[in-house]
Amino acid sequence: MTMISQIPGHLDFGSAVASLWLPHGDSTFSPGVQFLWDFWYWISVFFTVLITGLMVFFAIRYRHTKDRTIAEDSPTHNNALEMTWTVIPLIIVMVIFALGFKGYMNMNTPPANSYNIHVIAQKWSWTFVYENGAISNTLYLPVNKPVKLNMTSKDVLHGFWIPDLSIQRDVVPGRVMTTWVEATHPGTYMLQCSEYCGNGHSEMRAPVVAEPYPKFQRQIIAAANIFEENGKTIPLATVGKKLYVTLGCLGCHSVDGSKGTGPSWKNLAGSKEVLANGQSATVDYAFLKTMIMHPGRVLIKGFPAGVMPSYGSRFTGKNVKNLYAVVWYINSLSKYANKASEPPVPNEPGGAAASASVLSTQSAAPASAVAPIPAPVASAVATAASAPAAPKPVPLHVLGAKLYQSLGCVGCHTVNGTPGVGPTWKNLAGYPQKLTSGKTVIADYQFLRTMILDPGKMDVAGAPAGVMPNMYKYQLSGKKHPHETKLNAIIWYINTLSNRSSKETEPPVPDVAAK
C-alpha cells in the first residue's frame, strides 16, 4: 500500500493513514496480536491526552500574571496520589505481560498435526524445502492448516517476518529456530528480513502464497519436479537458471558481470582465473564442480574465503543432475564456454536422464586444485565403489564413510588426526574429551550422538562454538528416520577410526551389511 495515490495530482489520505497502522492479519495469530496492539495503543493515547492536557491546564491555570507574581503554596507529598500512579501502571503492564506471554507461548508451540517446511536463510535469499523434497524460493502455505517452520541461517542473523500474517522470528546461525503459522484466507503476501544482514538486506524478500490445501499440494508436487514445465521436459540450462534463484546463488553471484561477494558467472566458464594461492587455472567442468561442491578447495583471487556454503550433500547421488544443470547455466552465460567446461551430459531436454550413466565416470577435479581424500575415507569409499551396479548391502561403517563426504563433514573434521575446524574423528571414540564448560567426558555413543544431533549441548574445548549446524537432527533422526540408519553408520565409521572403540562407543545396532 502506497501513500501516494496512482491518480496524478491526488493524495490518497486513506492509504496514507492505513500505511501507518498495523496490517490486517490473515492468520490465527492475528486477532491476539491485533487486540494487544489496540490495547497498548489506546492506553498510550489515553495517558498522552491526560498528561498533556493536565500540563496545558496547569500551565494556563497557574501562569504568571500581574495579579499572581508569587507561586501559590502547593502540597509536597501525597501518599494516595503516588500509590495511584504506581499501582495503576503496574496493573496495566502486568496485563500486557500476561497477554504477550500467552501469545509468545502459542507462537512457540506448533500443533502436532502441523505440516513441516524447512526454511533456509542466507545472504540474501530465502529457500523453502517441503516434506516431499520440493525446493522453492516461494513460500506456499495451505489455508486453515498449521505449518511448522524449522528455520536455519547459513551465515548471519536474519529475521523471518510476514507482517500480513502477524509472524516474526529471528533466524540464528548454528541453531534451528522453530515457529508456526496458520493462514486463514487465500492470498499473496510478502516475507522480508527484519534484521540488518548486509548490503542486500532490503532485497531479501520472498513471496508467500496461501491457498486451499488441494491447490497447495499441486504446487509443491510441481515444485518437486524442476525439470519440467507445463508437462514438458526443459533444457538443463533452464533448470540451472531456476536453481540459481532457489538455492540462493543470486545473493553472491551476478550474471551480468557486476562485482558481488563471489565471482560473477558472466563469462566464467572456460576463462582463465588467478587463484588465491597465485596459481592460474582454467575454469573447466572439474573446476566448476569443485567450486560448487567444495568451495574451500578452490578460491579465485579477490574474493573472501569461507563465505560460500558447500553444496556437496545436495548434488550427489541422484541429485547430481542438479549439478549438471547449474554448470550448464554457467556455461550458457559465457563466451569462453567449450567442451572442457561443459558437463558430461547434453543440455537438450531429457539430458538429465543421461546422468545415471555417467555417475561412475564424472570428471575429477585436477589434483592441484582439489585436496586429496584422506586415506581411511578413500579406502572405505573404494570398497563401496567396487560393488556391482545392482543394489548390494554394504557394512554400516562403509555407508558412514560415504556420508562423511556427502554431508560435508569432511569440511570441518579430519580423519587422520590433523587439526580442523572441529575435533578430528581419528581416535575420538572412547577417548576423554574436555568440554568448554571445563568438564571432561568420555566420547561414548551418547556423546557422539549428541555431538551430531544437538552440537550446541557439547562443545569440545578448542573448537569454535556455533559453527556446526543443527540440521542433522532432521536429516538423520526423527519420525522420517525411525531406525536412524545413517546416524548409526556415521558413528560406526567414527568407531573404525579409533583404537579405543568399545561396546560403550558403538551404536546399539551391529555393523552388519545394510542397504
Protein backbone atom coordinates (compact mmCIF):
# COMPACT_ATOMS: atom_id res chain seq x y z
CA MET A 1 0.00 0.00 0.00
CA THR A 2 1.50 3.34 -1.02
CA MET A 3 0.97 6.78 0.44
CA ILE A 4 0.60 8.46 -2.93
CA SER A 5 -2.42 7.59 -4.99
CA GLN A 6 -1.94 6.37 -8.52
CA ILE A 7 -4.20 9.21 -9.71
CA PRO A 8 -1.88 12.11 -10.64
CA GLY A 9 -2.27 15.22 -8.52
CA HIS A 10 -4.19 13.50 -5.74
CA LEU A 11 -3.05 12.45 -2.28
CA ASP A 12 -4.79 9.34 -1.02
CA PHE A 13 -5.11 10.20 2.67
CA GLY A 14 -6.88 6.94 3.43
CA SER A 15 -3.92 4.95 2.16
CA ALA A 16 -1.54 7.31 3.90
CA VAL A 17 -3.18 6.71 7.27
CA ALA A 18 -3.62 2.95 6.72
CA SER A 19 0.05 2.52 5.81
CA LEU A 20 1.00 3.77 9.28
CA TRP A 21 -1.29 1.25 11.00
CA LEU A 22 -0.78 -2.38 11.91
CA PRO A 23 -1.55 -4.53 8.81
CA HIS A 24 -4.76 -6.52 8.98
CA GLY A 25 -3.57 -10.05 9.64
CA ASP A 26 -4.77 -13.21 7.90
CA SER A 27 -3.54 -15.83 10.37
CA THR A 28 -4.78 -17.43 13.58
CA PHE A 29 -2.29 -15.25 15.48
CA SER A 30 -3.69 -12.03 14.08
CA PRO A 31 -6.69 -11.45 16.43
CA GLY A 32 -4.48 -11.77 19.53
CA VAL A 33 -1.75 -9.59 18.07
CA GLN A 34 -4.29 -7.01 16.89
CA PHE A 35 -6.01 -6.92 20.30
CA LEU A 36 -2.72 -6.42 22.15
CA TRP A 37 -1.70 -3.72 19.67
CA ASP A 38 -5.02 -1.90 20.08
CA PHE A 39 -4.97 -2.29 23.88
CA TRP A 40 -1.49 -0.80 24.15
CA TYR A 41 -2.23 1.87 21.56
CA TRP A 42 -5.39 3.23 23.22
CA ILE A 43 -3.80 3.13 26.68
CA SER A 44 -0.95 5.21 25.21
CA VAL A 45 -3.47 7.61 23.62
CA PHE A 46 -5.39 7.93 26.90
CA PHE A 47 -2.35 8.74 29.01
CA THR A 48 -0.85 11.00 26.34
CA VAL A 49 -4.06 13.07 26.25
CA LEU A 50 -4.40 13.01 30.05
CA ILE A 51 -0.82 14.04 30.83
CA THR A 52 -0.54 16.56 28.01
CA GLY A 53 -3.98 18.00 28.87
CA LEU A 54 -3.06 18.42 32.52
CA MET A 55 0.23 20.05 31.57
CA VAL A 56 -1.59 22.55 29.34
CA PHE A 57 -4.27 23.15 32.01
CA PHE A 58 -1.73 23.76 34.77
CA ALA A 59 0.39 25.98 32.52
CA ILE A 60 -2.68 28.17 31.86
CA ARG A 61 -4.26 27.93 35.31
CA TYR A 62 -1.12 28.82 37.24
CA ARG A 63 0.54 31.09 34.72
CA HIS A 64 2.33 34.25 35.82
CA THR A 65 0.08 37.33 35.71
CA LYS A 66 0.21 40.85 37.10
CA ASP A 67 -2.10 39.67 39.88
CA ARG A 68 -0.10 36.47 40.51
CA THR A 69 3.57 37.23 40.82
CA ILE A 70 4.34 34.67 43.54
CA ALA A 71 3.69 30.95 43.18
CA GLU A 72 0.90 29.61 45.35
CA ASP A 73 1.63 27.11 48.07
CA SER A 74 1.25 23.50 46.90
CA PRO A 75 1.47 20.04 48.52
CA THR A 76 4.93 18.50 48.67
CA HIS A 77 3.77 14.92 49.19
CA ASN A 78 0.59 12.86 48.69
CA ASN A 79 0.67 9.14 49.50
CA ALA A 80 -2.67 8.36 47.87
CA LEU A 81 -1.66 10.04 44.60
CA GLU A 82 1.73 8.31 44.50
CA MET A 83 0.15 4.91 45.18
CA THR A 84 -2.37 5.57 42.42
CA TRP A 85 0.18 6.40 39.73
CA THR A 86 2.32 3.42 40.83
CA VAL A 87 -0.30 0.68 41.18
CA ILE A 88 -2.38 1.51 38.08
CA PRO A 89 0.62 1.43 35.64
CA LEU A 90 1.83 -1.78 37.34
CA ILE A 91 -1.54 -3.46 36.76
CA ILE A 92 -1.57 -2.30 33.12
CA VAL A 93 1.97 -3.55 32.49
CA MET A 94 1.22 -6.94 34.10
CA VAL A 95 -1.89 -7.33 31.93
CA ILE A 96 0.21 -6.56 28.83
CA PHE A 97 2.85 -9.06 30.01
CA ALA A 98 0.24 -11.80 30.53
CA LEU A 99 -1.31 -11.24 27.09
CA GLY A 100 2.12 -11.08 25.42
CA PHE A 101 3.40 -14.20 27.20
CA LYS A 102 0.30 -16.14 26.21
CA GLY A 103 0.78 -15.15 22.56
CA TYR A 104 4.51 -15.91 22.72
CA MET A 105 3.91 -19.43 24.06
CA ASN A 106 1.25 -20.02 21.42
CA MET A 107 3.63 -18.99 18.63
CA ASN A 108 6.30 -21.33 20.00
CA THR A 109 4.09 -24.42 20.37
CA PRO A 110 3.27 -25.86 16.93
CA PRO A 111 0.25 -28.22 16.82
CA ALA A 112 1.04 -31.93 16.48
CA ASN A 113 -0.64 -32.14 13.06
CA SER A 114 1.47 -29.37 11.53
CA TYR A 115 2.91 -29.65 8.02
CA ASN A 116 6.71 -29.22 8.16
CA ILE A 117 8.63 -26.75 5.99
CA HIS A 118 12.38 -26.21 6.38
CA VAL A 119 13.38 -22.57 5.88
CA ILE A 120 16.97 -21.73 4.90
CA ALA A 121 18.11 -18.12 5.18
CA GLN A 122 21.31 -16.84 3.63
CA LYS A 123 22.58 -13.56 2.25
CA TRP A 124 20.33 -12.52 0.59
CA SER A 125 17.63 -15.04 -0.21
CA TRP A 126 15.14 -17.47 1.30
CA THR A 127 14.84 -21.15 0.36
CA PHE A 128 11.97 -23.42 1.38
CA VAL A 129 12.17 -27.22 1.49
CA TYR A 130 8.89 -29.14 1.69
CA GLU A 131 8.11 -32.60 3.06
CA ASN A 132 8.11 -34.13 -0.43
CA GLY A 133 11.60 -32.76 -1.15
CA ALA A 134 10.42 -29.84 -3.28
CA ILE A 135 12.62 -26.74 -3.13
CA SER A 136 11.24 -23.30 -3.87
CA ASN A 137 12.02 -19.64 -3.32
CA THR A 138 8.28 -19.01 -2.87
CA LEU A 139 6.69 -19.98 0.45
CA TYR A 140 3.47 -21.89 -0.21
CA LEU A 141 1.06 -22.26 2.72
CA PRO A 142 -2.14 -24.33 2.92
CA VAL A 143 -5.14 -22.37 4.20
CA ASN A 144 -6.61 -23.48 7.54
CA LYS A 145 -3.80 -25.95 8.21
CA PRO A 146 -0.96 -25.29 10.70
CA VAL A 147 2.55 -25.18 9.21
CA LYS A 148 5.65 -25.70 11.36
CA LEU A 149 8.65 -23.70 10.18
CA ASN A 150 12.10 -25.08 11.06
CA MET A 151 14.44 -22.22 10.25
CA THR A 152 18.23 -22.13 9.93
CA SER A 153 20.70 -19.50 8.75
CA LYS A 154 23.80 -20.30 6.74
CA ASP A 155 25.68 -17.14 7.58
CA VAL A 156 24.47 -14.27 9.79
CA LEU A 157 21.43 -13.30 11.86
CA HIS A 158 18.27 -12.86 9.77
CA GLY A 159 14.66 -12.08 10.66
CA PHE A 160 11.69 -14.06 9.29
CA TRP A 161 8.85 -11.52 9.11
CA ILE A 162 5.47 -11.70 7.35
CA PRO A 163 3.59 -8.58 8.51
CA ASP A 164 0.26 -9.63 6.99
CA LEU A 165 0.34 -12.95 8.86
CA SER A 166 1.41 -11.39 12.19
CA ILE A 167 4.56 -13.52 12.46
CA GLN A 168 8.18 -12.62 13.16
CA ARG A 169 11.07 -14.77 14.34
CA ASP A 170 14.83 -14.30 14.41
CA VAL A 171 16.81 -16.88 12.42
CA VAL A 172 20.09 -17.52 14.21
CA PRO A 173 23.11 -19.21 12.57
CA GLY A 174 24.09 -22.51 14.16
CA ARG A 175 20.62 -23.10 15.60
CA VAL A 176 17.23 -24.35 14.40
CA MET A 177 14.58 -21.75 15.24
CA THR A 178 11.02 -23.02 15.26
CA THR A 179 7.67 -21.28 14.92
CA TRP A 180 4.40 -21.98 13.14
CA VAL A 181 1.67 -20.20 11.23
CA GLU A 182 -1.82 -20.96 10.02
CA ALA A 183 -3.19 -18.77 7.23
CA THR A 184 -6.94 -18.19 7.42
CA HIS A 185 -7.53 -16.70 3.98
CA PRO A 186 -6.11 -17.31 0.49
CA GLY A 187 -3.84 -14.53 -0.68
CA THR A 188 -0.36 -13.42 -1.67
CA TYR A 189 1.83 -11.77 0.95
CA MET A 190 5.46 -10.74 1.33
CA LEU A 191 8.16 -12.23 3.53
CA GLN A 192 11.01 -9.88 4.32
CA CYS A 193 14.12 -9.94 6.50
CA SER A 194 13.68 -7.87 9.66
CA GLU A 195 17.33 -7.93 10.82
CA TYR A 196 20.02 -5.94 9.01
CA CYS A 197 22.23 -8.54 7.34
CA GLY A 198 24.44 -6.60 4.91
CA ASN A 199 24.23 -4.73 1.63
CA GLY A 200 21.39 -6.80 0.17
CA HIS A 201 19.20 -6.73 3.29
CA SER A 202 16.45 -4.60 1.75
CA GLU A 203 16.18 -7.01 -1.18
CA MET A 204 15.92 -10.16 0.97
CA ARG A 205 12.25 -10.82 0.25
CA ALA A 206 10.17 -13.76 -0.90
CA PRO A 207 6.53 -14.12 -2.00
CA VAL A 208 4.18 -16.02 0.31
CA VAL A 209 1.18 -17.73 -1.31
CA ALA A 210 -1.65 -19.06 0.86
CA GLU A 211 -4.09 -21.29 -0.99
CA PRO A 212 -6.56 -24.14 -0.37
CA TYR A 213 -4.91 -27.43 0.55
CA PRO A 214 -5.61 -29.27 -2.76
CA LYS A 215 -4.03 -26.42 -4.74
CA PHE A 216 -1.14 -26.28 -2.25
CA GLN A 217 -0.48 -29.98 -2.86
CA ARG A 218 -0.44 -29.47 -6.62
CA GLN A 219 2.00 -26.56 -6.23
CA ILE A 220 4.57 -28.48 -4.19
CA ILE A 221 4.27 -31.56 -6.40
CA ALA A 222 5.03 -29.34 -9.39
CA ALA A 223 7.85 -27.63 -7.48
CA ALA A 224 9.40 -31.03 -6.72
CA ASN A 225 9.98 -31.65 -10.44
CA ILE A 226 12.14 -28.75 -11.53
CA PHE A 227 12.96 -30.50 -14.80
CA GLU A 228 9.51 -29.98 -16.28
CA GLU A 229 7.29 -27.03 -17.11
CA ASN A 230 3.69 -27.49 -18.21
CA GLY A 231 4.29 -31.22 -18.51
CA LYS A 232 7.28 -30.83 -20.85
CA THR A 233 10.95 -31.51 -20.13
CA ILE A 234 13.12 -28.38 -20.30
CA PRO A 235 16.85 -27.93 -21.09
CA LEU A 236 19.29 -28.33 -18.21
CA ALA A 237 20.49 -24.73 -18.55
CA THR A 238 16.92 -23.56 -17.89
CA VAL A 239 16.77 -25.80 -14.83
CA GLY A 240 20.07 -24.30 -13.72
CA LYS A 241 18.59 -20.83 -14.00
CA LYS A 242 15.83 -21.92 -11.61
CA LEU A 243 18.35 -23.37 -9.17
CA TYR A 244 20.36 -20.13 -9.36
CA VAL A 245 17.36 -18.49 -7.68
CA THR A 246 16.02 -21.24 -5.41
CA LEU A 247 19.44 -22.16 -3.99
CA GLY A 248 20.26 -18.52 -3.31
CA CYS A 249 23.21 -18.29 -5.72
CA LEU A 250 21.94 -14.89 -6.86
CA GLY A 251 22.77 -13.50 -3.42
CA CYS A 252 26.51 -13.59 -4.16
CA HIS A 253 26.99 -14.28 -7.89
CA SER A 254 25.79 -11.88 -10.56
CA VAL A 255 25.05 -12.98 -14.14
CA ASP A 256 25.77 -9.64 -15.79
CA GLY A 257 29.44 -9.22 -14.92
CA SER A 258 28.88 -6.86 -11.99
CA LYS A 259 31.03 -7.49 -8.91
CA GLY A 260 29.48 -9.35 -6.00
CA THR A 261 30.52 -11.29 -2.92
CA GLY A 262 31.52 -14.15 -5.20
CA PRO A 263 32.76 -14.18 -8.82
CA SER A 264 30.23 -13.26 -11.49
CA TRP A 265 29.00 -16.17 -13.60
CA LYS A 266 29.16 -13.98 -16.70
CA ASN A 267 31.98 -15.30 -18.92
CA LEU A 268 33.28 -17.53 -16.10
CA ALA A 269 33.13 -20.96 -17.78
CA GLY A 270 36.23 -21.56 -19.95
CA SER A 271 38.02 -18.44 -18.72
CA LYS A 272 41.45 -18.33 -17.08
CA GLU A 273 41.40 -17.21 -13.45
CA VAL A 274 44.10 -16.43 -10.89
CA LEU A 275 43.60 -18.32 -7.64
CA ALA A 276 44.19 -17.04 -4.12
CA ASN A 277 47.43 -19.07 -3.96
CA GLY A 278 48.80 -17.21 -7.00
CA GLN A 279 48.39 -20.08 -9.46
CA SER A 280 46.38 -19.78 -12.67
CA ALA A 281 43.66 -22.22 -13.64
CA THR A 282 41.24 -22.73 -16.49
CA VAL A 283 37.62 -22.83 -15.38
CA ASP A 284 36.67 -26.19 -16.88
CA TYR A 285 33.94 -28.56 -15.72
CA ALA A 286 36.11 -30.09 -12.98
CA PHE A 287 36.92 -26.60 -11.66
CA LEU A 288 33.25 -25.56 -11.62
CA LYS A 289 32.23 -28.81 -9.95
CA THR A 290 34.83 -28.39 -7.21
CA MET A 291 33.95 -24.71 -6.72
CA ILE A 292 30.30 -25.71 -6.10
CA MET A 293 30.75 -28.95 -4.17
CA HIS A 294 33.79 -27.98 -2.08
CA PRO A 295 34.25 -24.19 -2.33
CA GLY A 296 37.10 -24.12 0.19
CA ARG A 297 39.34 -26.09 -2.15
CA VAL A 298 39.48 -23.54 -4.96
CA LEU A 299 39.31 -19.82 -4.34
CA ILE A 300 39.55 -17.17 -7.04
CA LYS A 301 41.76 -14.27 -6.07
CA GLY A 302 39.97 -11.18 -4.83
CA PHE A 303 37.04 -12.94 -3.17
CA PRO A 304 36.64 -13.74 0.54
CA ALA A 305 37.16 -17.28 1.79
CA GLY A 306 34.65 -19.15 3.92
CA VAL A 307 31.55 -17.32 2.67
CA MET A 308 30.07 -19.87 0.27
CA PRO A 309 28.50 -22.97 1.86
CA SER A 310 29.26 -26.42 0.48
CA TYR A 311 26.63 -27.93 -1.79
CA GLY A 312 28.31 -31.33 -1.78
CA SER A 313 25.47 -33.04 0.08
CA ARG A 314 22.85 -31.58 -2.28
CA PHE A 315 24.46 -32.52 -5.58
CA THR A 316 25.49 -36.14 -5.07
CA GLY A 317 23.81 -39.42 -5.98
CA LYS A 318 20.51 -38.98 -7.79
CA ASN A 319 20.80 -35.18 -7.34
CA VAL A 320 23.94 -34.95 -9.48
CA LYS A 321 21.69 -33.78 -12.32
CA ASN A 322 21.17 -30.57 -10.33
CA LEU A 323 24.93 -30.01 -10.51
CA TYR A 324 24.87 -30.54 -14.28
CA ALA A 325 22.02 -28.06 -14.58
CA VAL A 326 23.85 -25.32 -12.66
CA VAL A 327 27.07 -25.87 -14.62
CA TRP A 328 25.15 -25.79 -17.92
CA TYR A 329 23.58 -22.49 -16.87
CA ILE A 330 27.03 -21.08 -16.06
CA ASN A 331 28.22 -22.24 -19.48
CA SER A 332 25.26 -20.56 -21.19
CA LEU A 333 26.42 -17.23 -19.74
CA SER A 334 30.00 -17.46 -21.05
CA LYS A 335 31.50 -16.67 -24.43
CA TYR A 336 34.51 -18.81 -23.43
CA ALA A 337 32.44 -21.97 -22.85
CA ASN A 338 33.78 -25.07 -24.58
CA LYS A 339 33.65 -28.85 -24.42
CA ALA A 340 36.02 -28.90 -21.45
CA SER A 341 33.79 -26.60 -19.41
CA GLU A 342 30.54 -28.41 -20.19
CA PRO A 343 29.04 -31.22 -18.06
CA PRO A 344 29.27 -34.81 -19.34
CA VAL A 345 25.55 -34.87 -20.29
CA PRO A 346 23.85 -32.93 -23.10
CA ASN A 347 21.92 -29.75 -22.43
CA GLU A 348 18.87 -30.59 -24.54
CA PRO A 349 15.57 -31.61 -22.89
CA GLY A 350 15.94 -35.05 -21.39
CA GLY A 351 19.67 -34.59 -20.85
CA ALA A 352 19.16 -35.17 -17.14
CA ALA A 353 18.10 -38.73 -17.88
CA ALA A 354 21.62 -39.42 -19.03
CA SER A 355 23.05 -38.56 -15.64
CA ALA A 356 22.67 -42.10 -14.32
CA SER A 357 25.01 -43.42 -16.99
CA VAL A 358 27.80 -41.03 -16.09
CA LEU A 359 27.70 -41.23 -12.29
CA SER A 360 30.66 -43.56 -12.33
CA THR A 361 32.62 -41.56 -14.90
CA GLN A 362 32.28 -37.97 -13.65
CA SER A 363 35.35 -35.87 -14.30
CA ALA A 364 37.54 -35.42 -11.25
CA ALA A 365 39.00 -32.02 -10.36
CA PRO A 366 42.73 -31.58 -11.02
CA ALA A 367 44.96 -32.73 -8.20
CA SER A 368 46.42 -29.23 -7.94
CA ALA A 369 43.00 -27.75 -7.29
CA VAL A 370 41.36 -30.41 -5.13
CA ALA A 371 42.61 -31.58 -1.75
CA PRO A 372 43.18 -35.34 -1.64
CA ILE A 373 40.62 -37.52 0.12
CA PRO A 374 42.09 -38.86 3.39
CA ALA A 375 43.31 -42.43 3.10
CA PRO A 376 40.74 -44.01 5.50
CA VAL A 377 37.91 -42.37 3.61
CA ALA A 378 39.33 -43.27 0.22
CA SER A 379 39.67 -46.88 1.30
CA ALA A 380 36.11 -47.10 2.58
CA VAL A 381 34.63 -45.31 -0.41
CA ALA A 382 36.62 -47.51 -2.75
CA THR A 383 35.12 -50.55 -1.01
CA ALA A 384 31.64 -49.20 -1.65
CA ALA A 385 32.50 -48.19 -5.21
CA SER A 386 33.70 -51.70 -6.04
CA ALA A 387 30.21 -53.11 -5.50
CA PRO A 388 28.27 -54.27 -8.57
CA ALA A 389 25.79 -51.91 -10.18
CA ALA A 390 22.88 -53.94 -8.77
CA PRO A 391 21.92 -52.95 -5.18
CA LYS A 392 24.16 -54.77 -2.76
CA PRO A 393 24.23 -54.39 1.02
CA VAL A 394 27.35 -52.80 2.49
CA PRO A 395 28.54 -52.57 6.12
CA LEU A 396 27.29 -49.54 8.04
CA HIS A 397 30.77 -48.07 8.51
CA VAL A 398 31.25 -48.01 4.71
CA LEU A 399 28.00 -46.09 4.36
CA GLY A 400 29.28 -43.81 7.12
CA ALA A 401 32.44 -43.10 5.11
CA LYS A 402 30.30 -42.04 2.14
CA LEU A 403 28.12 -39.85 4.36
CA TYR A 404 31.29 -38.23 5.75
CA GLN A 405 31.80 -36.86 2.24
CA SER A 406 28.24 -36.26 1.06
CA LEU A 407 27.04 -34.48 4.22
CA GLY A 408 30.06 -32.18 4.22
CA CYS A 409 31.65 -33.49 7.45
CA VAL A 410 34.96 -33.55 5.59
CA GLY A 411 34.93 -29.75 5.58
CA CYS A 412 35.47 -29.48 9.37
CA HIS A 413 36.52 -32.90 10.71
CA THR A 414 39.69 -34.69 9.63
CA VAL A 415 40.16 -38.46 9.92
CA ASN A 416 43.94 -38.51 10.21
CA GLY A 417 44.47 -36.58 13.44
CA THR A 418 45.35 -33.23 11.89
CA PRO A 419 43.62 -30.18 13.39
CA GLY A 420 40.46 -28.86 11.71
CA VAL A 421 37.58 -26.56 12.44
CA GLY A 422 36.00 -29.29 14.56
CA PRO A 423 37.58 -32.17 16.51
CA THR A 424 39.28 -34.81 14.41
CA TRP A 425 37.50 -38.15 14.17
CA LYS A 426 40.80 -40.00 14.48
CA ASN A 427 40.85 -41.64 17.95
CA LEU A 428 37.75 -39.71 19.01
CA ALA A 429 35.54 -42.62 20.09
CA GLY A 430 36.44 -43.86 23.58
CA TYR A 431 38.87 -41.06 24.37
CA PRO A 432 38.29 -38.37 27.06
CA GLN A 433 37.16 -35.01 25.70
CA LYS A 434 37.44 -31.73 27.59
CA LEU A 435 34.38 -29.50 27.10
CA THR A 436 34.24 -25.72 27.10
CA SER A 437 32.44 -25.99 30.47
CA GLY A 438 35.64 -27.45 31.94
CA LYS A 439 34.11 -30.90 32.36
CA THR A 440 35.85 -33.96 30.90
CA VAL A 441 33.74 -36.75 29.42
CA ILE A 442 34.38 -39.97 27.52
CA ALA A 443 33.32 -39.90 23.86
CA ASP A 444 30.87 -42.80 24.13
CA TYR A 445 27.86 -43.48 21.90
CA GLN A 446 25.62 -40.95 23.66
CA PHE A 447 28.34 -38.28 23.39
CA LEU A 448 28.80 -38.91 19.65
CA ARG A 449 25.06 -38.96 19.07
CA THR A 450 24.54 -35.66 20.91
CA MET A 451 27.53 -34.07 19.16
CA ILE A 452 25.91 -34.82 15.78
CA LEU A 453 22.22 -34.19 16.50
CA ASP A 454 22.47 -31.35 19.02
CA PRO A 455 26.00 -29.91 18.74
CA GLY A 456 25.34 -26.88 20.94
CA LYS A 457 24.95 -29.10 24.02
CA MET A 458 28.52 -30.37 23.99
CA ASP A 459 31.24 -28.05 22.71
CA VAL A 460 34.74 -29.55 22.78
CA ALA A 461 37.34 -27.15 24.14
CA GLY A 462 39.40 -25.58 21.37
CA ALA A 463 36.69 -25.92 18.73
CA PRO A 464 34.63 -22.82 17.88
CA ALA A 465 31.06 -22.86 19.19
CA GLY A 466 28.06 -22.32 16.90
CA VAL A 467 29.78 -23.48 13.69
CA MET A 468 28.24 -26.93 13.29
CA PRO A 469 24.62 -26.67 12.09
CA ASN A 470 21.72 -28.25 13.93
CA MET A 471 20.06 -29.52 10.75
CA TYR A 472 21.38 -33.08 11.09
CA LYS A 473 18.72 -33.93 13.66
CA TYR A 474 16.22 -33.65 10.81
CA GLN A 475 18.38 -35.43 8.25
CA LEU A 476 19.41 -38.35 10.44
CA SER A 477 16.75 -38.74 13.13
CA GLY A 478 13.09 -38.06 13.88
CA LYS A 479 9.91 -39.60 12.54
CA LYS A 480 11.25 -39.72 8.97
CA HIS A 481 14.29 -41.73 10.10
CA PRO A 482 12.94 -44.04 12.83
CA HIS A 483 15.79 -46.55 12.50
CA GLU A 484 18.50 -43.84 12.39
CA THR A 485 20.46 -45.93 9.91
CA LYS A 486 22.56 -43.04 8.60
CA LEU A 487 23.29 -41.75 12.10
CA ASN A 488 24.45 -45.19 13.22
CA ALA A 489 26.52 -45.53 10.04
CA ILE A 490 28.41 -42.32 10.82
CA ILE A 491 29.03 -43.36 14.42
CA TRP A 492 30.24 -46.79 13.26
CA TYR A 493 32.63 -45.06 10.87
CA ILE A 494 33.95 -42.87 13.72
CA ASN A 495 34.47 -46.07 15.75
CA THR A 496 36.53 -47.66 12.97
CA LEU A 497 38.92 -44.69 13.19
CA SER A 498 39.65 -45.19 16.90
CA ASN A 499 41.82 -47.70 18.75
CA ARG A 500 39.65 -47.32 21.85
CA SER A 501 36.26 -48.19 20.42
CA SER A 502 34.20 -50.45 22.65
CA LYS A 503 30.63 -51.54 23.36
CA GLU A 504 30.08 -48.17 25.08
CA THR A 505 31.10 -46.21 21.97
CA GLU A 506 29.38 -48.36 19.35
CA PRO A 507 25.78 -47.89 18.14
CA PRO A 508 23.09 -50.23 19.51
CA VAL A 509 22.90 -51.98 16.12
CA PRO A 510 25.64 -54.20 14.70
CA ASP A 511 27.93 -53.06 11.89
CA VAL A 512 26.42 -55.61 9.57
CA ALA A 513 25.58 -55.24 5.90
CA ALA A 514 22.76 -52.77 5.38
CA LYS A 515 21.02 -51.42 2.31
